[in-house]
PDB file of N, CA and C in Angstrom:
ATOM      1  N   UNK A   1     103.405  92.126  58.468  1.00  0.00           N
ATOM      2  CA  UNK A   1     103.282  91.405  59.727  1.00  0.00           C
ATOM      3  C   UNK A   1     103.974  92.205  60.820  1.00  0.00           C
ATOM      4  N   UNK A   2     103.304  92.393  61.922  1.00  0.00           N
ATOM      5  CA  UNK A   2     103.845  93.174  63.033  1.00  0.00           C
ATOM      6  C   UNK A   2     104.865  92.334  63.803  1.00  0.00           C
ATOM      7  N   UNK A   3     105.912  92.990  64.306  1.00  0.00           N
ATOM      8  CA  UNK A   3     106.903  92.252  65.104  1.00  0.00           C
ATOM      9  C   UNK A   3     106.285  91.764  66.414  1.00  0.00           C
ATOM     10  N   UNK A   4     106.842  90.692  66.932  1.00  0.00           N
ATOM     11  CA  UNK A   4     106.362  90.139  68.198  1.00  0.00           C
ATOM     12  C   UNK A   4     106.624  91.153  69.313  1.00  0.00           C
ATOM     13  N   UNK A   5     105.675  91.286  70.247  1.00  0.00           N
ATOM     14  CA  UNK A   5     105.864  92.247  71.330  1.00  0.00           C
ATOM     15  C   UNK A   5     107.023  91.829  72.241  1.00  0.00           C
ATOM     16  N   UNK A   6     107.704  92.829  72.755  1.00  0.00           N
ATOM     17  CA  UNK A   6     108.814  92.621  73.677  1.00  0.00           C
ATOM     18  C   UNK A   6     108.280  91.971  74.957  1.00  0.00           C
ATOM     19  N   UNK A   7     108.980  90.947  75.441  1.00  0.00           N
ATOM     20  CA  UNK A   7     108.541  90.231  76.641  1.00  0.00           C
ATOM     21  C   UNK A   7     108.412  91.119  77.860  1.00  0.00           C
ATOM     22  N   UNK A   8     109.317  92.076  78.010  1.00  0.00           N
ATOM     23  CA  UNK A   8     109.252  92.977  79.154  1.00  0.00           C
ATOM     24  C   UNK A   8     108.026  93.876  79.073  1.00  0.00           C
ATOM     25  N   UNK A   9     107.701  94.325  77.871  1.00  0.00           N
ATOM     26  CA  UNK A   9     106.530  95.179  77.693  1.00  0.00           C
ATOM     27  C   UNK A   9     105.267  94.386  78.016  1.00  0.00           C
ATOM     28  N   UNK A  10     105.203  93.171  77.521  1.00  0.00           N
ATOM     29  CA  UNK A  10     104.044  92.318  77.782  1.00  0.00           C
ATOM     30  C   UNK A  10     103.906  92.071  79.284  1.00  0.00           C
ATOM     31  N   UNK A  11     105.023  91.772  79.957  1.00  0.00           N
ATOM     32  CA  UNK A  11     104.992  91.519  81.394  1.00  0.00           C
ATOM     33  C   UNK A  11     104.531  92.763  82.152  1.00  0.00           C
ATOM     34  N   UNK A  12     105.009  93.932  81.749  1.00  0.00           N
ATOM     35  CA  UNK A  12     104.600  95.173  82.402  1.00  0.00           C
ATOM     36  C   UNK A  12     103.115  95.436  82.179  1.00  0.00           C
ATOM     37  N   UNK A  13     102.644  95.214  80.950  1.00  0.00           N
ATOM     38  CA  UNK A  13     101.224  95.409  80.663  1.00  0.00           C
ATOM     39  C   UNK A  13     100.369  94.464  81.502  1.00  0.00           C
ATOM     40  N   UNK A  14     100.800  93.215  81.634  1.00  0.00           N
ATOM     41  CA  UNK A  14     100.053  92.249  82.437  1.00  0.00           C
ATOM     42  C   UNK A  14     100.043  92.656  83.900  1.00  0.00           C
ATOM     43  N   UNK A  15     101.185  93.129  84.392  1.00  0.00           N
ATOM     44  CA  UNK A  15     101.271  93.586  85.787  1.00  0.00           C
ATOM     45  C   UNK A  15     100.326  94.768  86.006  1.00  0.00           C
ATOM     46  N   UNK A  16     100.329  95.721  85.074  1.00  0.00           N
ATOM     47  CA  UNK A  16      99.442  96.876  85.191  1.00  0.00           C
ATOM     48  C   UNK A  16      97.978  96.453  85.161  1.00  0.00           C
ATOM     49  N   UNK A  17      97.646  95.472  84.317  1.00  0.00           N
ATOM     50  CA  UNK A  17      96.267  94.984  84.263  1.00  0.00           C
ATOM     51  C   UNK A  17      95.849  94.374  85.591  1.00  0.00           C
ATOM     52  N   UNK A  18      96.747  93.568  86.191  1.00  0.00           N
ATOM     53  CA  UNK A  18      96.428  92.954  87.490  1.00  0.00           C
ATOM     54  C   UNK A  18      96.270  94.026  88.565  1.00  0.00           C
ATOM     55  N   UNK A  19      97.190  94.996  88.556  1.00  0.00           N
ATOM     56  CA  UNK A  19      97.125  96.060  89.554  1.00  0.00           C
ATOM     57  C   UNK A  19      95.862  96.896  89.357  1.00  0.00           C
ATOM     58  N   UNK A  20      95.513  97.177  88.114  1.00  0.00           N
ATOM     59  CA  UNK A  20      94.324  97.962  87.822  1.00  0.00           C
ATOM     60  C   UNK A  20      93.075  97.214  88.288  1.00  0.00           C
ATOM     61  N   UNK A  21      93.023  95.916  88.049  1.00  0.00           N
ATOM     62  CA  UNK A  21      91.866  95.127  88.481  1.00  0.00           C
ATOM     63  C   UNK A  21      91.731  95.143  90.000  1.00  0.00           C
ATOM     64  N   UNK A  22      92.862  95.013  90.694  1.00  0.00           N
ATOM     65  CA  UNK A  22      92.834  95.011  92.160  1.00  0.00           C
ATOM     66  C   UNK A  22      92.385  96.374  92.679  1.00  0.00           C
ATOM     67  N   UNK A  23      92.937  97.425  92.106  1.00  0.00           N
ATOM     68  CA  UNK A  23      92.552  98.774  92.520  1.00  0.00           C
ATOM     69  C   UNK A  23      91.081  99.014  92.180  1.00  0.00           C
ATOM     70  N   UNK A  24      90.634  98.467  91.050  1.00  0.00           N
ATOM     71  CA  UNK A  24      89.234  98.640  90.655  1.00  0.00           C
ATOM     72  C   UNK A  24      88.301  98.081  91.724  1.00  0.00           C
ATOM     73  N   UNK A  25      88.663  96.926  92.260  1.00  0.00           N
ATOM     74  CA  UNK A  25      87.839  96.342  93.327  1.00  0.00           C
ATOM     75  C   UNK A  25      87.822  97.261  94.546  1.00  0.00           C
ATOM     76  N   UNK A  26      88.971  97.811  94.879  1.00  0.00           N
ATOM     77  CA  UNK A  26      89.056  98.686  96.042  1.00  0.00           C
ATOM     78  C   UNK A  26      88.329 100.002  95.798  1.00  0.00           C
ATOM     79  N   UNK A  27      88.421 100.522  94.590  1.00  0.00           N
ATOM     80  CA  UNK A  27      87.720 101.769  94.264  1.00  0.00           C
ATOM     81  C   UNK A  27      86.216 101.543  94.323  1.00  0.00           C
ATOM     82  N   UNK A  28      85.773 100.381  93.865  1.00  0.00           N
ATOM     83  CA  UNK A  28      84.341 100.079  93.933  1.00  0.00           C
ATOM     84  C   UNK A  28      83.871 100.116  95.381  1.00  0.00           C
ATOM     85  N   UNK A  29      84.705  99.611  96.265  1.00  0.00           N
ATOM     86  CA  UNK A  29      84.370  99.650  97.689  1.00  0.00           C
ATOM     87  C   UNK A  29      84.337 101.082  98.202  1.00  0.00           C
ATOM     88  N   UNK A  30      85.318 101.869  97.790  1.00  0.00           N
ATOM     89  CA  UNK A  30      85.355 103.278  98.193  1.00  0.00           C
ATOM     90  C   UNK A  30      84.149 104.014  97.620  1.00  0.00           C
ATOM     91  N   UNK A  31      83.797 103.710  96.367  1.00  0.00           N
ATOM     92  CA  UNK A  31      82.656 104.359  95.729  1.00  0.00           C
ATOM     93  C   UNK A  31      81.385 104.144  96.536  1.00  0.00           C
ATOM     94  N   UNK A  32      81.245 102.953  97.055  1.00  0.00           N
ATOM     95  CA  UNK A  32      80.082 102.642  97.859  1.00  0.00           C
ATOM     96  C   UNK A  32      79.997 103.580  99.056  1.00  0.00           C
ATOM     97  N   UNK A  33      81.153 103.882  99.632  1.00  0.00           N
ATOM     98  CA  UNK A  33      81.180 104.774 100.794  1.00  0.00           C
ATOM     99  C   UNK A  33      81.067 106.246 100.385  1.00  0.00           C
ATOM    100  N   UNK A  34      81.484 106.565  99.159  1.00  0.00           N
ATOM    101  CA  UNK A  34      81.450 107.963  98.728  1.00  0.00           C
ATOM    102  C   UNK A  34      80.047 108.457  98.428  1.00  0.00           C
ATOM    103  N   UNK A  35      79.257 107.610  97.773  1.00  0.00           N
ATOM    104  CA  UNK A  35      77.904 108.010  97.411  1.00  0.00           C
ATOM    105  C   UNK A  35      77.881 109.325  96.664  1.00  0.00           C
ATOM    106  N   UNK A  36      77.050 110.214  97.092  1.00  0.00           N
ATOM    107  CA  UNK A  36      76.890 111.504  96.423  1.00  0.00           C
ATOM    108  C   UNK A  36      78.038 112.457  96.684  1.00  0.00           C
ATOM    109  N   UNK A  37      78.982 112.083  97.517  1.00  0.00           N
ATOM    110  CA  UNK A  37      80.101 112.975  97.809  1.00  0.00           C
ATOM    111  C   UNK A  37      80.987 113.210  96.588  1.00  0.00           C
ATOM    112  N   UNK A  38      80.787 112.437  95.530  1.00  0.00           N
ATOM    113  CA  UNK A  38      81.540 112.666  94.304  1.00  0.00           C
ATOM    114  C   UNK A  38      81.351 114.107  93.828  1.00  0.00           C
ATOM    115  N   UNK A  39      80.197 114.645  94.068  1.00  0.00           N
ATOM    116  CA  UNK A  39      79.930 116.018  93.637  1.00  0.00           C
ATOM    117  C   UNK A  39      80.782 117.032  94.400  1.00  0.00           C
ATOM    118  N   UNK A  40      81.384 116.630  95.487  1.00  0.00           N
ATOM    119  CA  UNK A  40      82.291 117.531  96.193  1.00  0.00           C
ATOM    120  C   UNK A  40      83.519 117.856  95.349  1.00  0.00           C
ATOM    121  N   UNK A  41      83.906 116.926  94.486  1.00  0.00           N
ATOM    122  CA  UNK A  41      85.050 117.169  93.602  1.00  0.00           C
ATOM    123  C   UNK A  41      84.691 118.250  92.594  1.00  0.00           C
ATOM    124  N   UNK A  42      83.459 118.239  92.133  1.00  0.00           N
ATOM    125  CA  UNK A  42      82.970 119.236  91.180  1.00  0.00           C
ATOM    126  C   UNK A  42      82.566 120.467  91.981  1.00  0.00           C
ATOM    127  N   UNK A  43      83.532 121.275  92.328  1.00  0.00           N
ATOM    128  CA  UNK A  43      83.331 122.376  93.274  1.00  0.00           C
ATOM    129  C   UNK A  43      82.314 123.418  92.825  1.00  0.00           C
ATOM    130  N   UNK A  44      82.229 123.653  91.509  1.00  0.00           N
ATOM    131  CA  UNK A  44      81.275 124.675  91.053  1.00  0.00           C
ATOM    132  C   UNK A  44      79.968 124.072  90.540  1.00  0.00           C
ATOM    133  N   UNK A  45      79.804 122.767  90.716  1.00  0.00           N
ATOM    134  CA  UNK A  45      78.575 122.055  90.334  1.00  0.00           C
ATOM    135  C   UNK A  45      78.151 122.285  88.887  1.00  0.00           C
ATOM    136  N   UNK A  46      79.139 122.386  87.992  1.00  0.00           N
ATOM    137  CA  UNK A  46      78.791 122.555  86.578  1.00  0.00           C
ATOM    138  C   UNK A  46      78.764 121.220  85.843  1.00  0.00           C
ATOM    139  N   UNK A  47      78.971 120.122  86.579  1.00  0.00           N
ATOM    140  CA  UNK A  47      78.952 118.795  85.970  1.00  0.00           C
ATOM    141  C   UNK A  47      80.259 118.408  85.311  1.00  0.00           C
ATOM    142  N   UNK A  48      81.276 119.267  85.414  1.00  0.00           N
ATOM    143  CA  UNK A  48      82.592 118.988  84.834  1.00  0.00           C
ATOM    144  C   UNK A  48      83.621 118.951  85.954  1.00  0.00           C
ATOM    145  N   UNK A  49      84.437 117.922  85.933  1.00  0.00           N
ATOM    146  CA  UNK A  49      85.452 117.742  86.953  1.00  0.00           C
ATOM    147  C   UNK A  49      86.809 117.990  86.324  1.00  0.00           C
ATOM    148  N   UNK A  50      87.596 118.838  86.944  1.00  0.00           N
ATOM    149  CA  UNK A  50      88.935 119.142  86.470  1.00  0.00           C
ATOM    150  C   UNK A  50      89.805 117.885  86.515  1.00  0.00           C
ATOM    151  N   UNK A  51      90.603 117.652  85.480  1.00  0.00           N
ATOM    152  CA  UNK A  51      91.466 116.466  85.403  1.00  0.00           C
ATOM    153  C   UNK A  51      92.386 116.390  86.616  1.00  0.00           C
ATOM    154  N   UNK A  52      92.907 117.525  87.039  1.00  0.00           N
ATOM    155  CA  UNK A  52      93.804 117.525  88.202  1.00  0.00           C
ATOM    156  C   UNK A  52      93.062 117.116  89.475  1.00  0.00           C
ATOM    157  N   UNK A  53      91.783 117.477  89.578  1.00  0.00           N
ATOM    158  CA  UNK A  53      90.997 117.074  90.746  1.00  0.00           C
ATOM    159  C   UNK A  53      90.814 115.559  90.754  1.00  0.00           C
ATOM    160  N   UNK A  54      90.547 114.982  89.589  1.00  0.00           N
ATOM    161  CA  UNK A  54      90.407 113.523  89.499  1.00  0.00           C
ATOM    162  C   UNK A  54      91.748 112.858  89.797  1.00  0.00           C
ATOM    163  N   UNK A  55      92.810 113.393  89.223  1.00  0.00           N
ATOM    164  CA  UNK A  55      94.155 112.861  89.446  1.00  0.00           C
ATOM    165  C   UNK A  55      94.467 112.853  90.951  1.00  0.00           C
ATOM    166  N   UNK A  56      94.204 113.981  91.608  1.00  0.00           N
ATOM    167  CA  UNK A  56      94.470 114.079  93.041  1.00  0.00           C
ATOM    168  C   UNK A  56      93.621 113.086  93.832  1.00  0.00           C
ATOM    169  N   UNK A  57      92.358 112.959  93.440  1.00  0.00           N
ATOM    170  CA  UNK A  57      91.462 112.038  94.146  1.00  0.00           C
ATOM    171  C   UNK A  57      91.927 110.591  93.969  1.00  0.00           C
ATOM    172  N   UNK A  58      92.286 110.207  92.736  1.00  0.00           N
ATOM    173  CA  UNK A  58      92.763 108.838  92.495  1.00  0.00           C
ATOM    174  C   UNK A  58      94.039 108.560  93.279  1.00  0.00           C
ATOM    175  N   UNK A  59      94.956 109.518  93.269  1.00  0.00           N
ATOM    176  CA  UNK A  59      96.210 109.340  94.010  1.00  0.00           C
ATOM    177  C   UNK A  59      95.925 109.203  95.499  1.00  0.00           C
ATOM    178  N   UNK A  60      95.047 110.039  96.018  1.00  0.00           N
ATOM    179  CA  UNK A  60      94.728 109.992  97.448  1.00  0.00           C
ATOM    180  C   UNK A  60      94.103 108.653  97.826  1.00  0.00           C
ATOM    181  N   UNK A  61      93.182 108.178  96.994  1.00  0.00           N
ATOM    182  CA  UNK A  61      92.540 106.882  97.271  1.00  0.00           C
ATOM    183  C   UNK A  61      93.581 105.768  97.250  1.00  0.00           C
ATOM    184  N   UNK A  62      94.415 105.748  96.219  1.00  0.00           N
ATOM    185  CA  UNK A  62      95.432 104.693  96.107  1.00  0.00           C
ATOM    186  C   UNK A  62      96.396 104.734  97.282  1.00  0.00           C
ATOM    187  N   UNK A  63      96.856 105.907  97.624  1.00  0.00           N
ATOM    188  CA  UNK A  63      97.820 106.015  98.718  1.00  0.00           C
ATOM    189  C   UNK A  63      97.175 105.699 100.058  1.00  0.00           C
ATOM    190  N   UNK A  64      95.917 106.085 100.234  1.00  0.00           N
ATOM    191  CA  UNK A  64      95.210 105.736 101.476  1.00  0.00           C
ATOM    192  C   UNK A  64      95.073 104.227 101.608  1.00  0.00           C
ATOM    193  N   UNK A  65      94.993 103.558 100.470  1.00  0.00           N
ATOM    194  CA  UNK A  65      94.876 102.097 100.466  1.00  0.00           C
ATOM    195  C   UNK A  65      96.258 101.432 100.461  1.00  0.00           C
ATOM    196  N   UNK A  66      97.300 102.236 100.686  1.00  0.00           N
ATOM    197  CA  UNK A  66      98.696 101.753 100.682  1.00  0.00           C
ATOM    198  C   UNK A  66      99.096 101.118  99.360  1.00  0.00           C
ATOM    199  N   UNK A  67      98.605 101.691  98.268  1.00  0.00           N
ATOM    200  CA  UNK A  67      98.966 101.228  96.937  1.00  0.00           C
ATOM    201  C   UNK A  67      99.957 102.207  96.335  1.00  0.00           C
ATOM    202  N   UNK A  68     100.965 101.692  95.707  1.00  0.00           N
ATOM    203  CA  UNK A  68     101.935 102.490  94.958  1.00  0.00           C
ATOM    204  C   UNK A  68     102.776 103.420  95.829  1.00  0.00           C
ATOM    205  N   UNK A  69     102.712 103.284  97.121  1.00  0.00           N
ATOM    206  CA  UNK A  69     103.453 104.176  98.010  1.00  0.00           C
ATOM    207  C   UNK A  69     104.940 104.161  97.684  1.00  0.00           C
ATOM    208  N   UNK A  70     105.448 102.991  97.326  1.00  0.00           N
ATOM    209  CA  UNK A  70     106.872 102.840  97.023  1.00  0.00           C
ATOM    210  C   UNK A  70     107.158 102.865  95.523  1.00  0.00           C
ATOM    211  N   UNK A  71     106.124 103.078  94.718  1.00  0.00           N
ATOM    212  CA  UNK A  71     106.306 103.004  93.264  1.00  0.00           C
ATOM    213  C   UNK A  71     105.549 104.126  92.560  1.00  0.00           C
ATOM    214  N   UNK A  72     106.110 105.349  92.596  1.00  0.00           N
ATOM    215  CA  UNK A  72     105.402 106.478  91.984  1.00  0.00           C
ATOM    216  C   UNK A  72     105.172 106.315  90.485  1.00  0.00           C
ATOM    217  N   UNK A  73     106.046 105.582  89.797  1.00  0.00           N
ATOM    218  CA  UNK A  73     105.841 105.363  88.359  1.00  0.00           C
ATOM    219  C   UNK A  73     104.606 104.500  88.115  1.00  0.00           C
ATOM    220  N   UNK A  74     104.406 103.486  88.937  1.00  0.00           N
ATOM    221  CA  UNK A  74     103.221 102.635  88.810  1.00  0.00           C
ATOM    222  C   UNK A  74     101.962 103.431  89.159  1.00  0.00           C
ATOM    223  N   UNK A  75     102.056 104.323  90.158  1.00  0.00           N
ATOM    224  CA  UNK A  75     100.918 105.174  90.502  1.00  0.00           C
ATOM    225  C   UNK A  75     100.546 106.052  89.309  1.00  0.00           C
ATOM    226  N   UNK A  76     101.535 106.654  88.690  1.00  0.00           N
ATOM    227  CA  UNK A  76     101.279 107.507  87.532  1.00  0.00           C
ATOM    228  C   UNK A  76     100.674 106.700  86.385  1.00  0.00           C
ATOM    229  N   UNK A  77     101.182 105.481  86.164  1.00  0.00           N
ATOM    230  CA  UNK A  77     100.635 104.619  85.105  1.00  0.00           C
ATOM    231  C   UNK A  77      99.172 104.284  85.403  1.00  0.00           C
ATOM    232  N   UNK A  78      98.881 103.972  86.662  1.00  0.00           N
ATOM    233  CA  UNK A  78      97.505 103.670  87.062  1.00  0.00           C
ATOM    234  C   UNK A  78      96.602 104.876  86.802  1.00  0.00           C
ATOM    235  N   UNK A  79      97.064 106.060  87.202  1.00  0.00           N
ATOM    236  CA  UNK A  79      96.263 107.274  87.025  1.00  0.00           C
ATOM    237  C   UNK A  79      96.011 107.536  85.547  1.00  0.00           C
ATOM    238  N   UNK A  80      97.036 107.350  84.705  1.00  0.00           N
ATOM    239  CA  UNK A  80      96.869 107.582  83.269  1.00  0.00           C
ATOM    240  C   UNK A  80      95.831 106.632  82.678  1.00  0.00           C
ATOM    241  N   UNK A  81      95.903 105.353  83.064  1.00  0.00           N
ATOM    242  CA  UNK A  81      94.924 104.372  82.576  1.00  0.00           C
ATOM    243  C   UNK A  81      93.524 104.762  83.048  1.00  0.00           C
ATOM    244  N   UNK A  82      93.419 105.107  84.314  1.00  0.00           N
ATOM    245  CA  UNK A  82      92.109 105.475  84.860  1.00  0.00           C
ATOM    246  C   UNK A  82      91.547 106.707  84.162  1.00  0.00           C
ATOM    247  N   UNK A  83      92.389 107.717  83.930  1.00  0.00           N
ATOM    248  CA  UNK A  83      91.909 108.930  83.254  1.00  0.00           C
ATOM    249  C   UNK A  83      91.418 108.630  81.844  1.00  0.00           C
ATOM    250  N   UNK A  84      92.140 107.745  81.128  1.00  0.00           N
ATOM    251  CA  UNK A  84      91.688 107.370  79.782  1.00  0.00           C
ATOM    252  C   UNK A  84      90.343 106.649  79.847  1.00  0.00           C
ATOM    253  N   UNK A  85      90.197 105.788  80.845  1.00  0.00           N
ATOM    254  CA  UNK A  85      88.940 105.051  80.981  1.00  0.00           C
ATOM    255  C   UNK A  85      87.797 105.974  81.397  1.00  0.00           C
ATOM    256  N   UNK A  86      88.078 106.915  82.278  1.00  0.00           N
ATOM    257  CA  UNK A  86      87.035 107.821  82.764  1.00  0.00           C
ATOM    258  C   UNK A  86      86.549 108.738  81.653  1.00  0.00           C
ATOM    259  N   UNK A  87      87.477 109.314  80.897  1.00  0.00           N
ATOM    260  CA  UNK A  87      87.111 110.241  79.811  1.00  0.00           C
ATOM    261  C   UNK A  87      86.690 109.411  78.599  1.00  0.00           C
ATOM    262  N   UNK A  88      85.523 108.815  78.708  1.00  0.00           N
ATOM    263  CA  UNK A  88      85.055 107.827  77.734  1.00  0.00           C
ATOM    264  C   UNK A  88      85.028 108.346  76.303  1.00  0.00           C
ATOM    265  N   UNK A  89      84.706 109.613  76.103  1.00  0.00           N
ATOM    266  CA  UNK A  89      84.626 110.140  74.741  1.00  0.00           C
ATOM    267  C   UNK A  89      85.907 110.859  74.316  1.00  0.00           C
ATOM    268  N   UNK A  90      86.948 110.778  75.134  1.00  0.00           N
ATOM    269  CA  UNK A  90      88.281 111.326  74.823  1.00  0.00           C
ATOM    270  C   UNK A  90      88.257 112.794  74.413  1.00  0.00           C
ATOM    271  N   UNK A  91      87.402 113.570  75.078  1.00  0.00           N
ATOM    272  CA  UNK A  91      87.341 114.993  74.743  1.00  0.00           C
ATOM    273  C   UNK A  91      88.129 115.863  75.719  1.00  0.00           C
ATOM    274  N   UNK A  92      88.859 115.220  76.627  1.00  0.00           N
ATOM    275  CA  UNK A  92      89.658 115.913  77.646  1.00  0.00           C
ATOM    276  C   UNK A  92      88.804 116.729  78.608  1.00  0.00           C
ATOM    277  N   UNK A  93      87.518 116.435  78.651  1.00  0.00           N
ATOM    278  CA  UNK A  93      86.611 117.030  79.621  1.00  0.00           C
ATOM    279  C   UNK A  93      85.981 115.872  80.377  1.00  0.00           C
ATOM    280  N   UNK A  94      86.135 115.871  81.687  1.00  0.00           N
ATOM    281  CA  UNK A  94      85.588 114.788  82.498  1.00  0.00           C
ATOM    282  C   UNK A  94      84.346 115.296  83.200  1.00  0.00           C
ATOM    283  N   UNK A  95      83.232 114.649  82.904  1.00  0.00           N
ATOM    284  CA  UNK A  95      81.973 115.030  83.546  1.00  0.00           C
ATOM    285  C   UNK A  95      81.719 114.120  84.737  1.00  0.00           C
ATOM    286  N   UNK A  96      80.902 114.609  85.653  1.00  0.00           N
ATOM    287  CA  UNK A  96      80.510 113.795  86.801  1.00  0.00           C
ATOM    288  C   UNK A  96      79.853 112.513  86.294  1.00  0.00           C
ATOM    289  N   UNK A  97      79.077 112.616  85.232  1.00  0.00           N
ATOM    290  CA  UNK A  97      78.415 111.443  84.653  1.00  0.00           C
ATOM    291  C   UNK A  97      79.441 110.407  84.190  1.00  0.00           C
ATOM    292  N   UNK A  98      80.536 110.857  83.547  1.00  0.00           N
ATOM    293  CA  UNK A  98      81.583 109.923  83.110  1.00  0.00           C
ATOM    294  C   UNK A  98      82.230 109.232  84.301  1.00  0.00           C
ATOM    295  N   UNK A  99      82.470 109.974  85.375  1.00  0.00           N
ATOM    296  CA  UNK A  99      83.068 109.380  86.569  1.00  0.00           C
ATOM    297  C   UNK A  99      82.112 108.344  87.158  1.00  0.00           C
ATOM    298  N   UNK A 100      80.851 108.684  87.234  1.00  0.00           N
ATOM    299  CA  UNK A 100      79.863 107.752  87.776  1.00  0.00           C
ATOM    300  C   UNK A 100      79.772 106.490  86.917  1.00  0.00           C
ATOM    301  N   UNK A 101      79.788 106.653  85.594  1.00  0.00           N
ATOM    302  CA  UNK A 101      79.745 105.486  84.700  1.00  0.00           C
ATOM    303  C   UNK A 101      80.988 104.632  84.884  1.00  0.00           C
ATOM    304  N   UNK A 102      82.152 105.285  85.075  1.00  0.00           N
ATOM    305  CA  UNK A 102      83.394 104.544  85.287  1.00  0.00           C
ATOM    306  C   UNK A 102      83.300 103.723  86.567  1.00  0.00           C
ATOM    307  N   UNK A 103      82.806 104.331  87.645  1.00  0.00           N
ATOM    308  CA  UNK A 103      82.640 103.586  88.898  1.00  0.00           C
ATOM    309  C   UNK A 103      81.677 102.426  88.692  1.00  0.00           C
ATOM    310  N   UNK A 104      80.587 102.657  87.961  1.00  0.00           N
ATOM    311  CA  UNK A 104      79.634 101.585  87.681  1.00  0.00           C
ATOM    312  C   UNK A 104      80.308 100.436  86.935  1.00  0.00           C
ATOM    313  N   UNK A 105      81.165 100.769  85.952  1.00  0.00           N
ATOM    314  CA  UNK A 105      81.849  99.713  85.190  1.00  0.00           C
ATOM    315  C   UNK A 105      82.810  98.942  86.087  1.00  0.00           C
ATOM    316  N   UNK A 106      83.436  99.626  87.046  1.00  0.00           N
ATOM    317  CA  UNK A 106      84.332  98.934  87.978  1.00  0.00           C
ATOM    318  C   UNK A 106      83.543  97.977  88.856  1.00  0.00           C
ATOM    319  N   UNK A 107      82.377  98.422  89.293  1.00  0.00           N
ATOM    320  CA  UNK A 107      81.527  97.548  90.103  1.00  0.00           C
ATOM    321  C   UNK A 107      81.120  96.317  89.317  1.00  0.00           C
ATOM    322  N   UNK A 108      80.808  96.486  88.028  1.00  0.00           N
ATOM    323  CA  UNK A 108      80.446  95.344  87.182  1.00  0.00           C
ATOM    324  C   UNK A 108      81.611  94.389  87.039  1.00  0.00           C
ATOM    325  N   UNK A 109      82.843  94.932  86.865  1.00  0.00           N
ATOM    326  CA  UNK A 109      84.032  94.087  86.777  1.00  0.00           C
ATOM    327  C   UNK A 109      84.198  93.257  88.037  1.00  0.00           C
ATOM    328  N   UNK A 110      84.005  93.884  89.188  1.00  0.00           N
ATOM    329  CA  UNK A 110      84.161  93.189  90.461  1.00  0.00           C
ATOM    330  C   UNK A 110      83.110  92.095  90.587  1.00  0.00           C
ATOM    331  N   UNK A 111      81.878  92.402  90.192  1.00  0.00           N
ATOM    332  CA  UNK A 111      80.799  91.419  90.272  1.00  0.00           C
ATOM    333  C   UNK A 111      81.063  90.239  89.351  1.00  0.00           C
ATOM    334  N   UNK A 112      81.706  90.486  88.212  1.00  0.00           N
ATOM    335  CA  UNK A 112      81.987  89.420  87.252  1.00  0.00           C
ATOM    336  C   UNK A 112      83.150  88.530  87.676  1.00  0.00           C
ATOM    337  N   UNK A 113      83.921  88.973  88.656  1.00  0.00           N
ATOM    338  CA  UNK A 113      85.128  88.195  89.051  1.00  0.00           C
ATOM    339  C   UNK A 113      84.807  87.196  90.122  1.00  0.00           C
TER     340      UNK A 113
END
């Protein structure tokens, strides 16, 4: 039998889930405005996006939306969760298709709420 989860860990996980959901709604809105500009991140148009480019883009979007400005640890946690979600097959290679699917899933989450 597994030990009961620590209350602080559970509270932090719940807070991160709420923050992720809120950011997801905002990213869906940004995605609508980005359209095909996502390919600008893929500078050599090989269909693969560098993890650091995605990290920088997520940080820029969050900070532009005044999210995590005072909490760099929460920003990093958000980015880590987003990167895991984006790299759907966990191969440490992020394709433009994976990013597009991730944005689509965020839009579906927003529509379901």
